[in-house]
Amino acid sequence: MLKTCQSLLATGVIAMMLIGPINAAETIGWRDLTVSVDPEKDPFFGLSFETRKMFEQLLTIEKSSAKNLTHPISVAREKELISSLARAGFDAAELKAKDRAFQRLIALQRSSVRSEWDGADVRIPGYLLPLEFEGDAVSEFLLVPYVGACIHTPPPPANQIIHVKPNASFRSEGLFTPVWVTGRLSVKRSRQRVGLSDGQSGFDVGYFLEAKIVKKYTADPG
């Protein structure tokens, strides 16, 4: 089924909207490459504003305690919050356990890939980060969802980086040239390195795309 890919050029993410079939490739967005998390697993799901505030304070005190920053007032406040949550019908220990489980789930979600895309013909917009090039002719690159990814900011999770090998070199206008890439997507984890002025940066990649078409980005992917 055709999907809608949404993002904003103003914030460094390419925007497009699918309005009909284009060739045989399915147009996808970056969210399509991630594994969704059930919002009901979030410990804050369904809590009232006041209960949410109490639980946030309790977690803050717990984090401070882990850093040996506990103050007698904090200990008293912690007991008070636990009692207040109990009166509201919530067990503080259960909420904290649910929060720990949810944080583990989020960490797993950041590295998980969508196996159903393995072998699919897709089209996706993104920003080009050269790996192999000669002059402005790029023969291998990473496709990333926003400008600065993997260089000026911490790298995106593995499921938000695609290793691309086009069937012909693409004339790039420089780092983070916005492009459309069309080809066969594979679930293929790898460790890639990008050369920087101060050395090399390495990070995990979750997908590989053998590109048939790489072209400069326009609002109309046709």
N, C-alpha and C. Protein backbone atom coordinates (compact mmCIF):
# COMPACT_ATOMS: atom_id res chain seq x y z
N MET A 1 0.85 -1.19 0.00
CA MET A 1 0.00 0.00 0.00
C MET A 1 0.88 1.23 0.00
N LEU A 2 0.49 2.25 -0.81
CA LEU A 2 1.29 3.47 -0.90
C LEU A 2 1.20 4.26 0.39
N LYS A 3 2.29 4.86 0.74
CA LYS A 3 2.37 5.58 2.02
C LYS A 3 2.63 7.05 1.78
N THR A 4 2.40 7.85 2.80
CA THR A 4 2.69 9.27 2.74
C THR A 4 3.94 9.56 3.53
N CYS A 5 4.88 10.22 2.92
CA CYS A 5 6.14 10.58 3.58
C CYS A 5 6.08 12.04 3.94
N GLN A 6 6.20 12.38 5.20
CA GLN A 6 6.09 13.77 5.64
C GLN A 6 7.33 14.21 6.36
N SER A 7 7.81 15.39 6.06
CA SER A 7 8.92 16.01 6.77
C SER A 7 9.02 17.45 6.32
N LEU A 8 9.92 18.23 6.92
CA LEU A 8 9.98 19.66 6.65
C LEU A 8 11.35 20.08 6.18
N LEU A 9 11.40 20.73 5.01
CA LEU A 9 12.66 21.25 4.52
C LEU A 9 13.22 22.29 5.48
N ALA A 10 12.35 23.08 6.11
CA ALA A 10 12.80 24.15 6.99
C ALA A 10 13.57 23.63 8.18
N THR A 11 13.32 22.42 8.58
CA THR A 11 14.02 21.85 9.72
C THR A 11 15.09 20.86 9.30
N GLY A 12 15.39 20.83 8.02
CA GLY A 12 16.46 19.98 7.53
C GLY A 12 16.00 18.59 7.13
N VAL A 13 14.68 18.41 7.01
CA VAL A 13 14.18 17.11 6.59
C VAL A 13 13.32 17.34 5.35
N ILE A 14 13.49 16.50 4.32
CA ILE A 14 12.83 16.72 3.05
C ILE A 14 11.33 16.47 3.16
N ALA A 15 10.53 17.33 2.48
CA ALA A 15 9.08 17.20 2.52
C ALA A 15 8.57 16.72 1.17
N MET A 16 7.64 15.79 1.18
CA MET A 16 7.00 15.36 -0.05
C MET A 16 5.67 14.73 0.30
N MET A 17 4.79 14.61 -0.69
CA MET A 17 3.53 13.92 -0.48
C MET A 17 3.25 13.05 -1.69
N LEU A 18 2.99 11.81 -1.44
CA LEU A 18 2.69 10.87 -2.50
C LEU A 18 1.25 11.08 -2.96
N ILE A 19 1.05 11.28 -4.28
CA ILE A 19 -0.30 11.51 -4.78
C ILE A 19 -0.71 10.45 -5.81
N GLY A 20 0.16 9.53 -6.11
CA GLY A 20 -0.21 8.49 -7.05
C GLY A 20 0.96 7.58 -7.33
N PRO A 21 0.74 6.47 -8.03
CA PRO A 21 1.81 5.53 -8.31
C PRO A 21 2.85 6.12 -9.25
N ILE A 22 4.12 5.84 -8.99
CA ILE A 22 5.21 6.32 -9.83
C ILE A 22 6.09 5.12 -10.13
N ASN A 23 6.08 4.68 -11.40
CA ASN A 23 6.82 3.51 -11.81
C ASN A 23 6.42 2.32 -10.92
N ALA A 24 7.34 1.39 -10.67
CA ALA A 24 7.02 0.20 -9.89
C ALA A 24 7.46 0.33 -8.45
N ALA A 25 8.29 1.33 -8.13
CA ALA A 25 8.83 1.47 -6.78
C ALA A 25 7.80 2.10 -5.85
N GLU A 26 7.84 1.66 -4.62
CA GLU A 26 6.94 2.23 -3.61
C GLU A 26 7.64 3.37 -2.89
N THR A 27 7.00 4.51 -2.85
CA THR A 27 7.59 5.67 -2.17
C THR A 27 7.38 5.54 -0.68
N ILE A 28 8.45 5.62 0.07
CA ILE A 28 8.38 5.47 1.52
C ILE A 28 9.04 6.66 2.19
N GLY A 29 8.77 6.80 3.48
CA GLY A 29 9.41 7.83 4.29
C GLY A 29 10.26 7.19 5.37
N TRP A 30 10.97 8.00 6.11
CA TRP A 30 11.90 7.48 7.12
C TRP A 30 11.20 6.78 8.26
N ARG A 31 10.00 7.22 8.58
CA ARG A 31 9.25 6.54 9.65
C ARG A 31 8.90 5.11 9.27
N ASP A 32 8.78 4.86 7.96
CA ASP A 32 8.45 3.51 7.52
C ASP A 32 9.57 2.52 7.82
N LEU A 33 10.78 3.01 8.08
CA LEU A 33 11.92 2.14 8.34
C LEU A 33 12.08 1.82 9.83
N THR A 34 11.28 2.45 10.66
CA THR A 34 11.40 2.24 12.10
C THR A 34 10.34 1.25 12.59
N VAL A 35 10.57 0.71 13.76
CA VAL A 35 9.61 -0.19 14.41
C VAL A 35 8.84 0.63 15.43
N SER A 36 7.53 0.65 15.31
CA SER A 36 6.72 1.47 16.20
C SER A 36 6.66 0.87 17.60
N VAL A 37 6.43 1.74 18.57
CA VAL A 37 6.31 1.32 19.97
C VAL A 37 4.88 1.57 20.42
N ASP A 38 4.28 0.59 21.05
CA ASP A 38 2.92 0.72 21.56
C ASP A 38 2.89 1.82 22.63
N PRO A 39 2.16 2.93 22.39
CA PRO A 39 2.14 4.03 23.36
C PRO A 39 1.60 3.63 24.73
N GLU A 40 0.81 2.57 24.77
CA GLU A 40 0.25 2.13 26.05
C GLU A 40 1.31 1.52 26.96
N LYS A 41 2.48 1.22 26.40
CA LYS A 41 3.57 0.70 27.23
C LYS A 41 4.30 1.83 27.96
N ASP A 42 4.05 3.06 27.55
CA ASP A 42 4.62 4.22 28.22
C ASP A 42 3.97 4.34 29.60
N PRO A 43 4.77 4.41 30.67
CA PRO A 43 4.19 4.49 32.01
C PRO A 43 3.34 5.74 32.23
N PHE A 44 3.56 6.77 31.41
CA PHE A 44 2.78 8.00 31.55
C PHE A 44 1.45 7.93 30.80
N PHE A 45 1.27 6.89 30.00
CA PHE A 45 0.04 6.76 29.20
C PHE A 45 -1.18 6.68 30.12
N GLY A 46 -2.13 7.55 29.88
CA GLY A 46 -3.38 7.52 30.64
C GLY A 46 -3.35 8.20 31.99
N LEU A 47 -2.19 8.74 32.40
CA LEU A 47 -2.11 9.42 33.70
C LEU A 47 -2.68 10.83 33.59
N SER A 48 -3.32 11.27 34.64
CA SER A 48 -3.80 12.65 34.68
C SER A 48 -2.61 13.59 34.81
N PHE A 49 -2.84 14.87 34.59
CA PHE A 49 -1.77 15.85 34.66
C PHE A 49 -1.10 15.85 36.03
N GLU A 50 -1.90 15.84 37.09
CA GLU A 50 -1.35 15.87 38.45
C GLU A 50 -0.57 14.59 38.77
N THR A 51 -1.12 13.45 38.36
CA THR A 51 -0.43 12.18 38.60
C THR A 51 0.87 12.12 37.82
N ARG A 52 0.84 12.63 36.59
CA ARG A 52 2.04 12.68 35.77
C ARG A 52 3.13 13.51 36.46
N LYS A 53 2.74 14.66 37.00
CA LYS A 53 3.70 15.53 37.69
C LYS A 53 4.32 14.81 38.89
N MET A 54 3.50 14.11 39.64
CA MET A 54 4.02 13.39 40.81
C MET A 54 5.01 12.31 40.39
N PHE A 55 4.68 11.58 39.35
CA PHE A 55 5.56 10.50 38.90
C PHE A 55 6.87 11.07 38.34
N GLU A 56 6.79 12.19 37.61
CA GLU A 56 8.00 12.83 37.09
C GLU A 56 8.92 13.24 38.24
N GLN A 57 8.34 13.81 39.29
CA GLN A 57 9.14 14.20 40.46
C GLN A 57 9.79 12.99 41.12
N LEU A 58 9.04 11.91 41.18
CA LEU A 58 9.56 10.68 41.80
C LEU A 58 10.75 10.15 41.00
N LEU A 59 10.65 10.16 39.68
CA LEU A 59 11.74 9.69 38.84
C LEU A 59 12.96 10.60 38.97
N THR A 60 12.72 11.90 39.09
CA THR A 60 13.82 12.85 39.25
C THR A 60 14.58 12.58 40.55
N ILE A 61 13.84 12.34 41.62
CA ILE A 61 14.46 12.04 42.91
C ILE A 61 15.25 10.73 42.83
N GLU A 62 14.68 9.75 42.14
CA GLU A 62 15.37 8.46 41.99
C GLU A 62 16.68 8.62 41.23
N LYS A 63 16.69 9.44 40.18
CA LYS A 63 17.91 9.68 39.40
C LYS A 63 18.95 10.40 40.25
N SER A 64 18.50 11.37 41.06
CA SER A 64 19.42 12.08 41.94
C SER A 64 20.02 11.15 42.98
N SER A 65 19.18 10.23 43.47
CA SER A 65 19.65 9.27 44.47
C SER A 65 20.72 8.36 43.87
N ALA A 66 20.54 7.99 42.59
CA ALA A 66 21.52 7.13 41.92
C ALA A 66 22.86 7.83 41.77
N LYS A 67 22.82 9.16 41.77
CA LYS A 67 24.06 9.94 41.65
C LYS A 67 24.57 10.40 43.02
N ASN A 68 24.04 9.81 44.08
CA ASN A 68 24.44 10.14 45.45
C ASN A 68 24.18 11.61 45.78
N LEU A 69 23.06 12.13 45.24
CA LEU A 69 22.71 13.52 45.51
C LEU A 69 21.50 13.62 46.44
N THR A 70 21.20 12.54 47.14
CA THR A 70 20.02 12.50 48.00
C THR A 70 20.14 13.47 49.17
N HIS A 71 19.10 14.21 49.39
CA HIS A 71 19.02 15.16 50.50
C HIS A 71 17.86 14.70 51.39
N PRO A 72 17.96 14.92 52.72
CA PRO A 72 16.85 14.49 53.60
C PRO A 72 15.49 14.98 53.15
N ILE A 73 15.44 16.19 52.59
CA ILE A 73 14.15 16.71 52.11
C ILE A 73 13.65 15.85 50.95
N SER A 74 14.58 15.41 50.10
CA SER A 74 14.21 14.58 48.96
C SER A 74 13.65 13.24 49.43
N VAL A 75 14.25 12.68 50.48
CA VAL A 75 13.78 11.41 51.02
C VAL A 75 12.35 11.56 51.53
N ALA A 76 12.11 12.65 52.24
CA ALA A 76 10.76 12.90 52.76
C ALA A 76 9.77 13.11 51.61
N ARG A 77 10.22 13.86 50.60
CA ARG A 77 9.35 14.13 49.45
C ARG A 77 9.04 12.84 48.69
N GLU A 78 10.02 11.96 48.60
CA GLU A 78 9.82 10.69 47.91
C GLU A 78 8.73 9.87 48.60
N LYS A 79 8.77 9.81 49.91
CA LYS A 79 7.75 9.08 50.65
C LYS A 79 6.37 9.72 50.44
N GLU A 80 6.36 11.04 50.42
CA GLU A 80 5.11 11.76 50.22
C GLU A 80 4.52 11.46 48.84
N LEU A 81 5.38 11.44 47.82
CA LEU A 81 4.92 11.18 46.46
C LEU A 81 4.40 9.75 46.31
N ILE A 82 5.09 8.81 46.95
CA ILE A 82 4.65 7.41 46.90
C ILE A 82 3.27 7.26 47.52
N SER A 83 3.07 7.96 48.64
CA SER A 83 1.76 7.91 49.32
C SER A 83 0.68 8.57 48.46
N SER A 84 1.01 9.70 47.84
CA SER A 84 0.04 10.41 47.00
C SER A 84 -0.35 9.58 45.79
N LEU A 85 0.62 8.90 45.20
CA LEU A 85 0.32 8.03 44.06
C LEU A 85 -0.56 6.87 44.49
N ALA A 86 -0.30 6.32 45.67
CA ALA A 86 -1.11 5.22 46.19
C ALA A 86 -2.56 5.66 46.39
N ARG A 87 -2.74 6.88 46.91
CA ARG A 87 -4.10 7.40 47.11
C ARG A 87 -4.81 7.60 45.77
N ALA A 88 -4.03 7.87 44.73
CA ALA A 88 -4.61 8.04 43.39
C ALA A 88 -4.82 6.70 42.69
N GLY A 89 -4.43 5.61 43.36
CA GLY A 89 -4.66 4.28 42.81
C GLY A 89 -3.50 3.69 42.02
N PHE A 90 -2.29 4.24 42.24
CA PHE A 90 -1.12 3.76 41.48
C PHE A 90 -0.03 3.29 42.43
N ASP A 91 0.59 2.17 42.07
CA ASP A 91 1.70 1.63 42.83
C ASP A 91 3.00 2.21 42.24
N ALA A 92 3.74 2.97 43.05
CA ALA A 92 4.95 3.63 42.56
C ALA A 92 5.98 2.65 42.04
N ALA A 93 6.14 1.52 42.72
CA ALA A 93 7.12 0.52 42.29
C ALA A 93 6.75 -0.05 40.93
N GLU A 94 5.45 -0.27 40.70
CA GLU A 94 5.01 -0.81 39.41
C GLU A 94 5.23 0.21 38.30
N LEU A 95 4.95 1.48 38.60
CA LEU A 95 5.17 2.54 37.60
C LEU A 95 6.65 2.65 37.23
N LYS A 96 7.52 2.57 38.24
CA LYS A 96 8.96 2.68 37.97
C LYS A 96 9.46 1.48 37.18
N ALA A 97 8.93 0.30 37.47
CA ALA A 97 9.32 -0.90 36.71
C ALA A 97 8.85 -0.78 35.26
N LYS A 98 7.65 -0.23 35.08
CA LYS A 98 7.12 -0.04 33.74
C LYS A 98 7.97 0.98 32.98
N ASP A 99 8.43 2.00 33.66
CA ASP A 99 9.28 3.02 33.03
C ASP A 99 10.62 2.41 32.58
N ARG A 100 11.22 1.58 33.42
CA ARG A 100 12.48 0.93 33.05
C ARG A 100 12.29 0.03 31.82
N ALA A 101 11.18 -0.70 31.80
CA ALA A 101 10.90 -1.57 30.66
C ALA A 101 10.68 -0.76 29.39
N PHE A 102 10.00 0.38 29.54
CA PHE A 102 9.73 1.23 28.38
C PHE A 102 11.02 1.83 27.83
N GLN A 103 11.93 2.23 28.69
CA GLN A 103 13.21 2.79 28.24
C GLN A 103 14.02 1.74 27.50
N ARG A 104 13.97 0.48 27.96
CA ARG A 104 14.66 -0.60 27.23
C ARG A 104 14.02 -0.81 25.86
N LEU A 105 12.70 -0.69 25.80
CA LEU A 105 11.98 -0.86 24.54
C LEU A 105 12.35 0.24 23.56
N ILE A 106 12.46 1.48 24.04
CA ILE A 106 12.85 2.60 23.18
C ILE A 106 14.25 2.39 22.64
N ALA A 107 15.16 1.94 23.49
CA ALA A 107 16.55 1.69 23.06
C ALA A 107 16.58 0.61 21.97
N LEU A 108 15.76 -0.43 22.13
CA LEU A 108 15.69 -1.49 21.14
C LEU A 108 15.08 -0.97 19.84
N GLN A 109 14.06 -0.13 19.96
CA GLN A 109 13.39 0.42 18.79
C GLN A 109 14.34 1.25 17.93
N ARG A 110 15.31 1.90 18.55
CA ARG A 110 16.24 2.74 17.82
C ARG A 110 17.17 1.93 16.91
N SER A 111 17.35 0.67 17.20
CA SER A 111 18.25 -0.14 16.39
C SER A 111 17.52 -1.20 15.56
N SER A 112 16.23 -1.38 15.81
CA SER A 112 15.47 -2.41 15.09
C SER A 112 15.17 -2.00 13.66
N VAL A 113 15.15 -2.97 12.75
CA VAL A 113 14.83 -2.71 11.35
C VAL A 113 13.55 -3.43 10.97
N ARG A 114 12.97 -3.03 9.84
CA ARG A 114 11.73 -3.63 9.36
C ARG A 114 12.04 -4.69 8.32
N SER A 115 11.96 -5.95 8.70
CA SER A 115 12.32 -7.05 7.80
C SER A 115 11.41 -7.14 6.58
N GLU A 116 10.20 -6.60 6.67
CA GLU A 116 9.28 -6.70 5.54
C GLU A 116 9.73 -5.87 4.34
N TRP A 117 10.68 -4.95 4.56
CA TRP A 117 11.20 -4.16 3.44
C TRP A 117 12.33 -4.88 2.72
N ASP A 118 12.81 -5.99 3.24
CA ASP A 118 13.94 -6.70 2.64
C ASP A 118 13.58 -7.18 1.23
N GLY A 119 14.30 -6.67 0.23
CA GLY A 119 14.05 -7.06 -1.16
C GLY A 119 13.01 -6.21 -1.87
N ALA A 120 12.50 -5.17 -1.22
CA ALA A 120 11.46 -4.34 -1.83
C ALA A 120 12.08 -3.26 -2.72
N ASP A 121 11.37 -2.92 -3.80
CA ASP A 121 11.76 -1.81 -4.66
C ASP A 121 11.12 -0.55 -4.09
N VAL A 122 11.94 0.40 -3.69
CA VAL A 122 11.43 1.59 -3.01
C VAL A 122 12.03 2.87 -3.59
N ARG A 123 11.40 3.96 -3.27
CA ARG A 123 11.91 5.29 -3.57
C ARG A 123 11.84 6.10 -2.28
N ILE A 124 12.92 6.76 -1.92
CA ILE A 124 12.95 7.50 -0.66
C ILE A 124 13.78 8.78 -0.82
N PRO A 125 13.33 9.89 -0.22
CA PRO A 125 14.12 11.11 -0.27
C PRO A 125 15.06 11.19 0.92
N GLY A 126 16.16 11.88 0.77
CA GLY A 126 17.09 12.03 1.89
C GLY A 126 18.26 12.90 1.51
N TYR A 127 19.26 12.91 2.36
CA TYR A 127 20.46 13.72 2.13
C TYR A 127 21.67 12.81 1.93
N LEU A 128 22.47 13.15 0.95
CA LEU A 128 23.60 12.33 0.52
C LEU A 128 24.87 12.68 1.29
N LEU A 129 25.48 11.65 1.89
CA LEU A 129 26.74 11.81 2.60
C LEU A 129 27.75 10.88 1.93
N PRO A 130 28.69 11.43 1.12
CA PRO A 130 29.58 10.59 0.31
C PRO A 130 30.49 9.68 1.14
N LEU A 131 30.66 8.45 0.63
CA LEU A 131 31.62 7.50 1.19
C LEU A 131 32.78 7.30 0.23
N GLU A 132 32.44 7.06 -1.05
CA GLU A 132 33.44 6.88 -2.10
C GLU A 132 33.16 7.89 -3.20
N PHE A 133 34.17 8.67 -3.58
CA PHE A 133 33.95 9.70 -4.59
C PHE A 133 35.28 10.11 -5.23
N GLU A 134 35.15 10.71 -6.40
CA GLU A 134 36.29 11.30 -7.09
C GLU A 134 35.83 12.63 -7.65
N GLY A 135 36.33 13.70 -7.07
CA GLY A 135 35.80 15.01 -7.41
C GLY A 135 34.37 15.12 -6.93
N ASP A 136 33.47 15.46 -7.85
CA ASP A 136 32.05 15.55 -7.47
C ASP A 136 31.28 14.30 -7.87
N ALA A 137 31.98 13.28 -8.38
CA ALA A 137 31.33 12.04 -8.80
C ALA A 137 31.31 11.06 -7.62
N VAL A 138 30.14 10.80 -7.07
CA VAL A 138 29.98 9.94 -5.90
C VAL A 138 29.55 8.55 -6.35
N SER A 139 30.33 7.53 -5.97
CA SER A 139 30.03 6.15 -6.37
C SER A 139 29.46 5.32 -5.23
N GLU A 140 29.47 5.85 -4.02
CA GLU A 140 28.92 5.16 -2.86
C GLU A 140 28.65 6.20 -1.78
N PHE A 141 27.49 6.08 -1.11
CA PHE A 141 27.16 7.11 -0.12
C PHE A 141 26.18 6.58 0.92
N LEU A 142 26.02 7.37 1.97
CA LEU A 142 25.00 7.12 2.96
C LEU A 142 23.84 8.06 2.70
N LEU A 143 22.64 7.56 2.85
CA LEU A 143 21.45 8.40 2.77
C LEU A 143 20.94 8.60 4.19
N VAL A 144 20.77 9.86 4.58
CA VAL A 144 20.37 10.19 5.95
C VAL A 144 19.16 11.13 5.90
N PRO A 145 18.39 11.21 7.01
CA PRO A 145 17.13 11.95 6.97
C PRO A 145 17.23 13.45 7.21
N TYR A 146 18.41 13.95 7.66
CA TYR A 146 18.51 15.38 7.92
C TYR A 146 19.94 15.85 7.74
N VAL A 147 20.08 17.14 7.49
CA VAL A 147 21.40 17.76 7.28
C VAL A 147 22.22 17.69 8.56
N GLY A 148 23.49 17.33 8.43
CA GLY A 148 24.39 17.28 9.59
C GLY A 148 24.49 15.91 10.22
N ALA A 149 23.62 14.97 9.83
CA ALA A 149 23.63 13.63 10.42
C ALA A 149 24.99 12.97 10.22
N CYS A 150 25.49 12.37 11.29
CA CYS A 150 26.75 11.61 11.30
C CYS A 150 28.00 12.49 11.29
N ILE A 151 27.83 13.80 11.22
CA ILE A 151 29.00 14.69 11.21
C ILE A 151 28.91 15.72 12.32
N HIS A 152 27.93 16.60 12.23
CA HIS A 152 27.82 17.71 13.19
C HIS A 152 26.97 17.36 14.41
N THR A 153 26.29 16.25 14.35
CA THR A 153 25.42 15.83 15.45
C THR A 153 25.65 14.34 15.71
N PRO A 154 25.18 13.82 16.85
CA PRO A 154 25.26 12.37 17.05
C PRO A 154 24.56 11.66 15.90
N PRO A 155 25.05 10.50 15.48
CA PRO A 155 24.44 9.82 14.33
C PRO A 155 23.02 9.37 14.64
N PRO A 156 22.18 9.29 13.61
CA PRO A 156 20.85 8.74 13.79
C PRO A 156 20.96 7.27 14.16
N PRO A 157 19.86 6.65 14.63
CA PRO A 157 19.89 5.21 14.89
C PRO A 157 20.11 4.45 13.59
N ALA A 158 20.51 3.19 13.70
CA ALA A 158 20.84 2.38 12.52
C ALA A 158 19.70 2.30 11.52
N ASN A 159 18.46 2.31 12.01
CA ASN A 159 17.33 2.20 11.09
C ASN A 159 16.99 3.52 10.40
N GLN A 160 17.81 4.55 10.61
CA GLN A 160 17.63 5.83 9.94
C GLN A 160 18.85 6.19 9.10
N ILE A 161 19.63 5.19 8.71
CA ILE A 161 20.77 5.37 7.82
C ILE A 161 20.73 4.27 6.77
N ILE A 162 20.87 4.64 5.49
CA ILE A 162 20.87 3.67 4.40
C ILE A 162 22.20 3.77 3.65
N HIS A 163 22.87 2.63 3.52
CA HIS A 163 24.10 2.55 2.72
C HIS A 163 23.68 2.35 1.26
N VAL A 164 24.05 3.29 0.40
CA VAL A 164 23.59 3.27 -0.99
C VAL A 164 24.76 3.05 -1.95
N LYS A 165 24.56 2.13 -2.88
CA LYS A 165 25.53 1.91 -3.95
C LYS A 165 24.79 2.05 -5.27
N PRO A 166 24.96 3.17 -5.97
CA PRO A 166 24.25 3.37 -7.24
C PRO A 166 24.92 2.60 -8.37
N ASN A 167 24.15 2.34 -9.44
CA ASN A 167 24.71 1.62 -10.58
C ASN A 167 25.56 2.53 -11.47
N ALA A 168 25.53 3.84 -11.19
CA ALA A 168 26.38 4.80 -11.89
C ALA A 168 26.66 5.96 -10.95
N SER A 169 27.81 6.59 -11.10
CA SER A 169 28.18 7.69 -10.22
C SER A 169 27.18 8.84 -10.34
N PHE A 170 26.98 9.52 -9.22
CA PHE A 170 26.06 10.65 -9.18
C PHE A 170 26.86 11.92 -8.95
N ARG A 171 26.58 12.95 -9.74
CA ARG A 171 27.27 14.23 -9.60
C ARG A 171 26.65 15.00 -8.43
N SER A 172 27.39 15.04 -7.33
CA SER A 172 26.89 15.68 -6.12
C SER A 172 27.32 17.13 -6.04
N GLU A 173 26.48 17.94 -5.44
CA GLU A 173 26.80 19.36 -5.25
C GLU A 173 27.54 19.61 -3.94
N GLY A 174 27.86 18.53 -3.22
CA GLY A 174 28.56 18.67 -1.95
C GLY A 174 27.90 17.83 -0.87
N LEU A 175 28.37 18.04 0.36
CA LEU A 175 27.78 17.30 1.48
C LEU A 175 26.30 17.60 1.61
N PHE A 176 25.54 16.55 1.87
CA PHE A 176 24.11 16.65 2.16
C PHE A 176 23.30 17.23 1.00
N THR A 177 23.68 16.85 -0.22
CA THR A 177 22.85 17.17 -1.38
C THR A 177 21.52 16.44 -1.23
N PRO A 178 20.39 17.13 -1.35
CA PRO A 178 19.09 16.44 -1.24
C PRO A 178 18.80 15.65 -2.52
N VAL A 179 18.40 14.39 -2.37
CA VAL A 179 18.20 13.52 -3.53
C VAL A 179 16.98 12.61 -3.34
N TRP A 180 16.52 12.08 -4.46
CA TRP A 180 15.61 10.94 -4.47
C TRP A 180 16.44 9.72 -4.85
N VAL A 181 16.25 8.62 -4.16
CA VAL A 181 16.96 7.38 -4.48
C VAL A 181 15.93 6.28 -4.71
N THR A 182 16.09 5.59 -5.83
CA THR A 182 15.18 4.50 -6.19
C THR A 182 15.99 3.23 -6.43
N GLY A 183 15.54 2.11 -5.85
CA GLY A 183 16.24 0.86 -6.07
C GLY A 183 15.76 -0.24 -5.14
N ARG A 184 16.55 -1.30 -5.03
CA ARG A 184 16.21 -2.47 -4.23
C ARG A 184 16.77 -2.32 -2.81
N LEU A 185 15.87 -2.29 -1.84
CA LEU A 185 16.26 -2.13 -0.44
C LEU A 185 16.50 -3.48 0.22
N SER A 186 17.54 -3.58 1.03
CA SER A 186 17.83 -4.81 1.76
C SER A 186 18.07 -4.48 3.23
N VAL A 187 17.69 -5.41 4.09
CA VAL A 187 18.05 -5.30 5.50
C VAL A 187 19.46 -5.86 5.62
N LYS A 188 20.41 -4.98 5.79
CA LYS A 188 21.82 -5.39 5.83
C LYS A 188 22.57 -4.48 6.77
N ARG A 189 22.91 -4.99 7.92
CA ARG A 189 23.63 -4.19 8.91
C ARG A 189 25.11 -4.08 8.54
N SER A 190 25.66 -2.92 8.78
CA SER A 190 27.08 -2.71 8.51
C SER A 190 27.61 -1.61 9.42
N ARG A 191 28.90 -1.53 9.46
CA ARG A 191 29.57 -0.47 10.23
C ARG A 191 30.30 0.41 9.22
N GLN A 192 29.91 1.67 9.13
CA GLN A 192 30.49 2.58 8.15
C GLN A 192 31.29 3.68 8.84
N ARG A 193 32.25 4.20 8.09
CA ARG A 193 33.10 5.27 8.62
C ARG A 193 33.11 6.42 7.62
N VAL A 194 32.98 7.63 8.14
CA VAL A 194 33.01 8.83 7.31
C VAL A 194 34.22 9.65 7.71
N GLY A 195 35.05 9.99 6.73
CA GLY A 195 36.24 10.79 7.01
C GLY A 195 35.89 12.24 7.29
N LEU A 196 36.40 12.76 8.40
CA LEU A 196 36.18 14.14 8.79
C LEU A 196 37.52 14.88 8.85
N SER A 197 37.46 16.19 8.95
CA SER A 197 38.68 16.97 9.01
C SER A 197 39.51 16.64 10.24
N ASP A 198 38.83 16.19 11.31
CA ASP A 198 39.54 15.86 12.54
C ASP A 198 39.63 14.35 12.78
N GLY A 199 39.43 13.57 11.73
CA GLY A 199 39.54 12.12 11.86
C GLY A 199 38.36 11.42 11.20
N GLN A 200 38.02 10.24 11.68
CA GLN A 200 36.92 9.47 11.12
C GLN A 200 35.87 9.19 12.17
N SER A 201 34.62 9.14 11.72
CA SER A 201 33.51 8.85 12.61
C SER A 201 32.87 7.54 12.15
N GLY A 202 32.66 6.59 13.07
CA GLY A 202 32.06 5.32 12.73
C GLY A 202 30.69 5.16 13.36
N PHE A 203 29.80 4.48 12.66
CA PHE A 203 28.45 4.30 13.20
C PHE A 203 27.79 3.12 12.50
N ASP A 204 26.71 2.62 13.10
CA ASP A 204 26.00 1.45 12.60
C ASP A 204 24.93 1.85 11.58
N VAL A 205 24.81 1.03 10.55
CA VAL A 205 23.83 1.24 9.49
C VAL A 205 22.93 0.01 9.41
N GLY A 206 21.63 0.23 9.22
CA GLY A 206 20.69 -0.88 9.23
C GLY A 206 20.24 -1.37 7.87
N TYR A 207 20.37 -0.53 6.82
CA TYR A 207 19.84 -0.89 5.52
C TYR A 207 20.87 -0.67 4.41
N PHE A 208 20.70 -1.41 3.31
CA PHE A 208 21.51 -1.23 2.11
C PHE A 208 20.57 -1.07 0.93
N LEU A 209 20.91 -0.16 0.00
CA LEU A 209 20.06 0.07 -1.16
C LEU A 209 20.90 0.06 -2.42
N GLU A 210 20.59 -0.87 -3.31
CA GLU A 210 21.24 -0.91 -4.62
C GLU A 210 20.43 -0.02 -5.54
N ALA A 211 20.97 1.18 -5.81
CA ALA A 211 20.19 2.21 -6.48
C ALA A 211 20.24 2.13 -8.00
N LYS A 212 19.06 2.17 -8.61
CA LYS A 212 18.96 2.26 -10.06
C LYS A 212 18.90 3.72 -10.50
N ILE A 213 18.32 4.55 -9.64
CA ILE A 213 18.17 5.97 -9.97
C ILE A 213 18.54 6.81 -8.75
N VAL A 214 19.41 7.79 -8.97
CA VAL A 214 19.70 8.81 -7.96
C VAL A 214 19.57 10.15 -8.67
N LYS A 215 18.70 10.98 -8.18
CA LYS A 215 18.54 12.27 -8.83
C LYS A 215 18.30 13.35 -7.79
N LYS A 216 18.63 14.58 -8.17
CA LYS A 216 18.47 15.69 -7.25
C LYS A 216 17.02 15.83 -6.82
N TYR A 217 16.82 16.17 -5.56
CA TYR A 217 15.49 16.24 -4.99
C TYR A 217 14.66 17.35 -5.61
N THR A 218 13.41 17.03 -5.93
CA THR A 218 12.38 17.99 -6.29
C THR A 218 11.11 17.58 -5.57
N ALA A 219 10.16 18.50 -5.41
CA ALA A 219 8.93 18.18 -4.70
C ALA A 219 8.15 17.09 -5.41
N ASP A 220 8.29 17.01 -6.74
CA ASP A 220 7.64 15.98 -7.52
C ASP A 220 8.65 14.88 -7.81
N PRO A 221 8.47 13.68 -7.24
CA PRO A 221 9.46 12.62 -7.43
C PRO A 221 9.44 11.98 -8.81
N GLY A 222 8.46 12.34 -9.66
CA GLY A 222 8.33 11.71 -10.96
C GLY A 222 9.42 12.08 -11.93
